[in-house]
Amino acid sequence: MRTTGVMVQYYFTCKRELWFFSRGINFDFENEDMLIGRLIHRESHERDWKEIFLGDIRLDAVRRRGKLLVIEIKKSSKLEEPARWQLKYYLYILRKAGVEADGVISYPREGRREKITLTEEDITVLEDALKDIERIISLERPPPAEKKPYCRRCAYRDFCWV
């Protein structure tokens, strides 16, 4: 299984969520947060943005003005750190393919953006995370549930806290 950006985000959010996702155990598509996120994504595109698919990886938007800019659109900054790692993973994949790019995380509802760059230290963290993602998804059973502040709104919550 090829690692996707969503898997990297889940790795930095919740390893159990990553395991469920890797098994095709889908989240609640009618979850209010998921519906709002899809709506924000659709409404956030500007004319010169283009959604790009690279195999199993989907870049929300790409803009070319000089250097390539990869834009990741998020509903809120609640999971800010995992979102940063997801975008850094995209920049890492592009760099491995010989394409240098910068990134921006856009939070349209909050009216803010955050610039993201990929450092050599980030590459080391990502390569370690990718090895651990492989280990986690190869487990026979999901990692134990860990109570986190965002569990209450998680689309997978019923798999952990019923």
C-alpha atoms as a PDB file:
ATOM      1  CA  MET A   1       0.000   0.000   0.000  1.00  0.00           C
ATOM      2  CA  ARG A   2       1.348   3.400  -0.953  1.00  0.00           C
ATOM      3  CA  THR A   3       1.367   6.002   1.781  1.00  0.00           C
ATOM      4  CA  THR A   4      -0.995   8.908   1.150  1.00  0.00           C
ATOM      5  CA  GLY A   5      -1.012  12.398   2.612  1.00  0.00           C
ATOM      6  CA  VAL A   6      -4.100  11.537   4.627  1.00  0.00           C
ATOM      7  CA  MET A   7      -2.210   8.597   6.149  1.00  0.00           C
ATOM      8  CA  VAL A   8       0.625  10.935   7.156  1.00  0.00           C
ATOM      9  CA  GLN A   9      -1.883  13.325   8.706  1.00  0.00           C
ATOM     10  CA  TYR A  10      -3.516  10.440  10.599  1.00  0.00           C
ATOM     11  CA  TYR A  11      -0.089   9.245  11.762  1.00  0.00           C
ATOM     12  CA  PHE A  12       0.524  12.595  13.437  1.00  0.00           C
ATOM     13  CA  THR A  13      -3.064  12.739  14.722  1.00  0.00           C
ATOM     14  CA  CYS A  14      -3.941   9.218  15.845  1.00  0.00           C
ATOM     15  CA  LYS A  15      -2.196   5.954  15.018  1.00  0.00           C
ATOM     16  CA  ARG A  16      -5.422   4.012  15.573  1.00  0.00           C
ATOM     17  CA  GLU A  17      -7.230   6.182  13.011  1.00  0.00           C
ATOM     18  CA  LEU A  18      -4.372   5.466  10.592  1.00  0.00           C
ATOM     19  CA  TRP A  19      -4.795   1.719  11.082  1.00  0.00           C
ATOM     20  CA  PHE A  20      -8.571   1.832  10.441  1.00  0.00           C
ATOM     21  CA  PHE A  21      -8.086   3.974   7.346  1.00  0.00           C
ATOM     22  CA  SER A  22      -5.415   1.624   5.986  1.00  0.00           C
ATOM     23  CA  ARG A  23      -7.918  -1.248   6.209  1.00  0.00           C
ATOM     24  CA  GLY A  24     -10.536   0.601   4.182  1.00  0.00           C
ATOM     25  CA  ILE A  25     -12.688   1.056   7.263  1.00  0.00           C
ATOM     26  CA  ASN A  26     -14.222   4.287   6.151  1.00  0.00           C
ATOM     27  CA  PHE A  27     -15.204   7.165   8.339  1.00  0.00           C
ATOM     28  CA  ASP A  28     -18.740   8.441   8.625  1.00  0.00           C
ATOM     29  CA  PHE A  29     -19.219  10.232   5.293  1.00  0.00           C
ATOM     30  CA  GLU A  30     -22.235  12.022   6.766  1.00  0.00           C
ATOM     31  CA  ASN A  31     -20.155  13.360   9.653  1.00  0.00           C
ATOM     32  CA  GLU A  32     -20.902  17.094   9.864  1.00  0.00           C
ATOM     33  CA  ASP A  33     -17.197  18.019   9.951  1.00  0.00           C
ATOM     34  CA  MET A  34     -16.534  15.938   6.827  1.00  0.00           C
ATOM     35  CA  LEU A  35     -19.427  17.565   4.949  1.00  0.00           C
ATOM     36  CA  ILE A  36     -18.315  21.064   5.948  1.00  0.00           C
ATOM     37  CA  GLY A  37     -14.730  20.266   4.944  1.00  0.00           C
ATOM     38  CA  ARG A  38     -15.792  19.123   1.473  1.00  0.00           C
ATOM     39  CA  LEU A  39     -17.918  22.255   1.009  1.00  0.00           C
ATOM     40  CA  ILE A  40     -15.071  24.549   2.075  1.00  0.00           C
ATOM     41  CA  HIS A  41     -12.715  22.746  -0.289  1.00  0.00           C
ATOM     42  CA  ARG A  42     -15.102  23.221  -3.237  1.00  0.00           C
ATOM     43  CA  GLU A  43     -15.731  26.889  -2.485  1.00  0.00           C
ATOM     44  CA  SER A  44     -12.098  27.791  -1.784  1.00  0.00           C
ATOM     45  CA  HIS A  45     -10.616  27.357  -5.236  1.00  0.00           C
ATOM     46  CA  GLU A  46      -9.578  30.434  -7.103  1.00  0.00           C
ATOM     47  CA  ARG A  47      -9.420  30.560 -10.889  1.00  0.00           C
ATOM     48  CA  ASP A  48      -5.718  29.800 -11.202  1.00  0.00           C
ATOM     49  CA  TRP A  49      -5.689  26.872  -8.764  1.00  0.00           C
ATOM     50  CA  LYS A  50      -5.553  23.354 -10.127  1.00  0.00           C
ATOM     51  CA  GLU A  51      -6.195  20.143  -8.234  1.00  0.00           C
ATOM     52  CA  ILE A  52      -3.487  17.597  -9.077  1.00  0.00           C
ATOM     53  CA  PHE A  53      -3.424  13.820  -8.680  1.00  0.00           C
ATOM     54  CA  LEU A  54      -0.054  12.082  -8.332  1.00  0.00           C
ATOM     55  CA  GLY A  55      -0.895   8.404  -8.146  1.00  0.00           C
ATOM     56  CA  ASP A  56      -2.588   7.936  -4.768  1.00  0.00           C
ATOM     57  CA  ILE A  57      -1.807  11.483  -3.680  1.00  0.00           C
ATOM     58  CA  ARG A  58      -4.190  14.378  -4.257  1.00  0.00           C
ATOM     59  CA  LEU A  59      -2.910  17.912  -3.944  1.00  0.00           C
ATOM     60  CA  ASP A  60      -5.811  20.227  -3.100  1.00  0.00           C
ATOM     61  CA  ALA A  61      -4.459  23.020  -5.234  1.00  0.00           C
ATOM     62  CA  VAL A  62      -1.336  23.989  -7.109  1.00  0.00           C
ATOM     63  CA  ARG A  63      -0.386  27.430  -8.312  1.00  0.00           C
ATOM     64  CA  ARG A  64       2.511  28.281 -10.583  1.00  0.00           C
ATOM     65  CA  ARG A  65       3.922  31.766 -10.262  1.00  0.00           C
ATOM     66  CA  GLY A  66       7.640  31.328 -10.477  1.00  0.00           C
ATOM     67  CA  LYS A  67       8.195  28.484  -8.001  1.00  0.00           C
ATOM     68  CA  LEU A  68       5.482  25.844  -7.648  1.00  0.00           C
ATOM     69  CA  LEU A  69       3.150  26.437  -4.702  1.00  0.00           C
ATOM     70  CA  VAL A  70       1.163  23.547  -3.205  1.00  0.00           C
ATOM     71  CA  ILE A  71      -1.918  24.623  -1.268  1.00  0.00           C
ATOM     72  CA  GLU A  72      -3.596  22.412   1.310  1.00  0.00           C
ATOM     73  CA  ILE A  73      -7.096  23.582   2.289  1.00  0.00           C
ATOM     74  CA  LYS A  74      -8.315  22.829   5.809  1.00  0.00           C
ATOM     75  CA  LYS A  75     -11.601  23.487   7.578  1.00  0.00           C
ATOM     76  CA  SER A  76      -9.888  24.689  10.741  1.00  0.00           C
ATOM     77  CA  SER A  77      -6.517  24.914  12.404  1.00  0.00           C
ATOM     78  CA  LYS A  78      -7.599  22.491  15.143  1.00  0.00           C
ATOM     79  CA  LEU A  79      -5.228  19.815  13.788  1.00  0.00           C
ATOM     80  CA  GLU A  80      -2.558  22.274  12.701  1.00  0.00           C
ATOM     81  CA  GLU A  81       0.515  20.133  13.315  1.00  0.00           C
ATOM     82  CA  PRO A  82      -0.779  17.029  11.470  1.00  0.00           C
ATOM     83  CA  ALA A  83      -1.819  19.287   8.561  1.00  0.00           C
ATOM     84  CA  ARG A  84       1.722  20.695   8.396  1.00  0.00           C
ATOM     85  CA  TRP A  85       3.163  17.177   8.165  1.00  0.00           C
ATOM     86  CA  GLN A  86       0.675  16.209   5.471  1.00  0.00           C
ATOM     87  CA  LEU A  87       1.773  19.173   3.352  1.00  0.00           C
ATOM     88  CA  LYS A  88       5.457  18.538   4.108  1.00  0.00           C
ATOM     89  CA  TYR A  89       4.924  14.985   2.860  1.00  0.00           C
ATOM     90  CA  TYR A  90       3.610  16.334  -0.440  1.00  0.00           C
ATOM     91  CA  LEU A  91       6.632  18.629  -0.723  1.00  0.00           C
ATOM     92  CA  TYR A  92       8.867  15.643   0.080  1.00  0.00           C
ATOM     93  CA  ILE A  93       7.278  13.498  -2.676  1.00  0.00           C
ATOM     94  CA  LEU A  94       7.655  16.336  -5.161  1.00  0.00           C
ATOM     95  CA  ARG A  95      11.307  16.870  -4.168  1.00  0.00           C
ATOM     96  CA  LYS A  96      12.019  13.165  -4.658  1.00  0.00           C
ATOM     97  CA  ALA A  97      10.569  13.578  -8.166  1.00  0.00           C
ATOM     98  CA  GLY A  98      12.921  16.517  -8.809  1.00  0.00           C
ATOM     99  CA  VAL A  99      10.331  19.262  -8.311  1.00  0.00           C
ATOM    100  CA  GLU A 100      11.055  22.001  -5.793  1.00  0.00           C
ATOM    101  CA  ALA A 101       7.948  23.565  -4.277  1.00  0.00           C
ATOM    102  CA  ASP A 102       6.775  25.599  -1.336  1.00  0.00           C
ATOM    103  CA  GLY A 103       3.530  25.065   0.505  1.00  0.00           C
ATOM    104  CA  VAL A 104       0.675  26.983   2.037  1.00  0.00           C
ATOM    105  CA  ILE A 105      -2.018  25.723   4.356  1.00  0.00           C
ATOM    106  CA  SER A 106      -5.181  27.743   3.791  1.00  0.00           C
ATOM    107  CA  TYR A 107      -7.836  28.055   6.487  1.00  0.00           C
ATOM    108  CA  PRO A 108     -10.592  29.877   4.544  1.00  0.00           C
ATOM    109  CA  ARG A 109     -13.065  30.017   7.435  1.00  0.00           C
ATOM    110  CA  GLU A 110     -10.406  31.570   9.658  1.00  0.00           C
ATOM    111  CA  GLY A 111      -9.170  33.902   6.924  1.00  0.00           C
ATOM    112  CA  ARG A 112      -5.556  32.894   7.342  1.00  0.00           C
ATOM    113  CA  ARG A 113      -2.756  31.031   5.613  1.00  0.00           C
ATOM    114  CA  GLU A 114       0.475  29.510   6.816  1.00  0.00           C
ATOM    115  CA  LYS A 115       3.582  29.130   4.671  1.00  0.00           C
ATOM    116  CA  ILE A 116       5.271  25.736   4.860  1.00  0.00           C
ATOM    117  CA  THR A 117       8.755  24.780   3.718  1.00  0.00           C
ATOM    118  CA  LEU A 118      10.521  21.436   3.813  1.00  0.00           C
ATOM    119  CA  THR A 119      13.801  21.286   5.745  1.00  0.00           C
ATOM    120  CA  GLU A 120      16.407  18.535   5.941  1.00  0.00           C
ATOM    121  CA  GLU A 121      15.273  17.898   9.524  1.00  0.00           C
ATOM    122  CA  ASP A 122      11.689  17.493   8.274  1.00  0.00           C
ATOM    123  CA  ILE A 123      12.875  14.903   5.756  1.00  0.00           C
ATOM    124  CA  THR A 124      14.462  12.850   8.552  1.00  0.00           C
ATOM    125  CA  VAL A 125      11.253  13.022  10.622  1.00  0.00           C
ATOM    126  CA  LEU A 126       9.142  12.068   7.584  1.00  0.00           C
ATOM    127  CA  GLU A 127      11.340   9.118   6.635  1.00  0.00           C
ATOM    128  CA  ASP A 128      11.122   7.798  10.209  1.00  0.00           C
ATOM    129  CA  ALA A 129       7.343   8.369  10.188  1.00  0.00           C
ATOM    130  CA  LEU A 130       6.973   6.526   6.873  1.00  0.00           C
ATOM    131  CA  LYS A 131       8.742   3.481   8.332  1.00  0.00           C
ATOM    132  CA  ASP A 132       6.492   3.614  11.386  1.00  0.00           C
ATOM    133  CA  ILE A 133       3.386   3.974   9.195  1.00  0.00           C
ATOM    134  CA  GLU A 134       4.372   0.735   7.448  1.00  0.00           C
ATOM    135  CA  ARG A 135       4.769  -0.950  10.834  1.00  0.00           C
ATOM    136  CA  ILE A 136       1.392   0.300  12.095  1.00  0.00           C
ATOM    137  CA  ILE A 137      -0.578  -0.709   9.017  1.00  0.00           C
ATOM    138  CA  SER A 138       1.003  -4.173   9.128  1.00  0.00           C
ATOM    139  CA  LEU A 139      -0.287  -4.782  12.670  1.00  0.00           C
ATOM    140  CA  GLU A 140      -2.916  -7.491  13.005  1.00  0.00           C
ATOM    141  CA  ARG A 141      -4.946  -5.350  15.412  1.00  0.00           C
ATOM    142  CA  PRO A 142      -5.287  -1.585  15.764  1.00  0.00           C
ATOM    143  CA  PRO A 143      -3.101   0.243  18.272  1.00  0.00           C
ATOM    144  CA  PRO A 144      -4.874   0.910  21.572  1.00  0.00           C
ATOM    145  CA  ALA A 145      -7.215   3.897  21.744  1.00  0.00           C
ATOM    146  CA  GLU A 146      -5.757   7.022  23.308  1.00  0.00           C
ATOM    147  CA  LYS A 147      -8.065   9.748  24.592  1.00  0.00           C
ATOM    148  CA  LYS A 148      -7.241  13.001  22.808  1.00  0.00           C
ATOM    149  CA  PRO A 149      -8.973  16.386  22.881  1.00  0.00           C
ATOM    150  CA  TYR A 150     -10.426  15.947  19.380  1.00  0.00           C
ATOM    151  CA  CYS A 151     -11.805  12.398  19.872  1.00  0.00           C
ATOM    152  CA  ARG A 152     -15.273  13.802  20.511  1.00  0.00           C
ATOM    153  CA  ARG A 153     -15.488  15.143  16.918  1.00  0.00           C
ATOM    154  CA  CYS A 154     -13.578  12.306  15.213  1.00  0.00           C
ATOM    155  CA  ALA A 155     -15.417  10.437  12.472  1.00  0.00           C
ATOM    156  CA  TYR A 156     -13.905   7.176  13.832  1.00  0.00           C
ATOM    157  CA  ARG A 157     -14.956   7.803  17.459  1.00  0.00           C
ATOM    158  CA  ASP A 158     -17.427   4.905  17.492  1.00  0.00           C
ATOM    159  CA  PHE A 159     -14.560   2.468  16.832  1.00  0.00           C
ATOM    160  CA  CYS A 160     -12.833   3.591  20.014  1.00  0.00           C
ATOM    161  CA  TRP A 161     -15.335   4.857  22.569  1.00  0.00           C
ATOM    162  CA  VAL A 162     -18.598   2.910  22.207  1.00  0.00           C
END
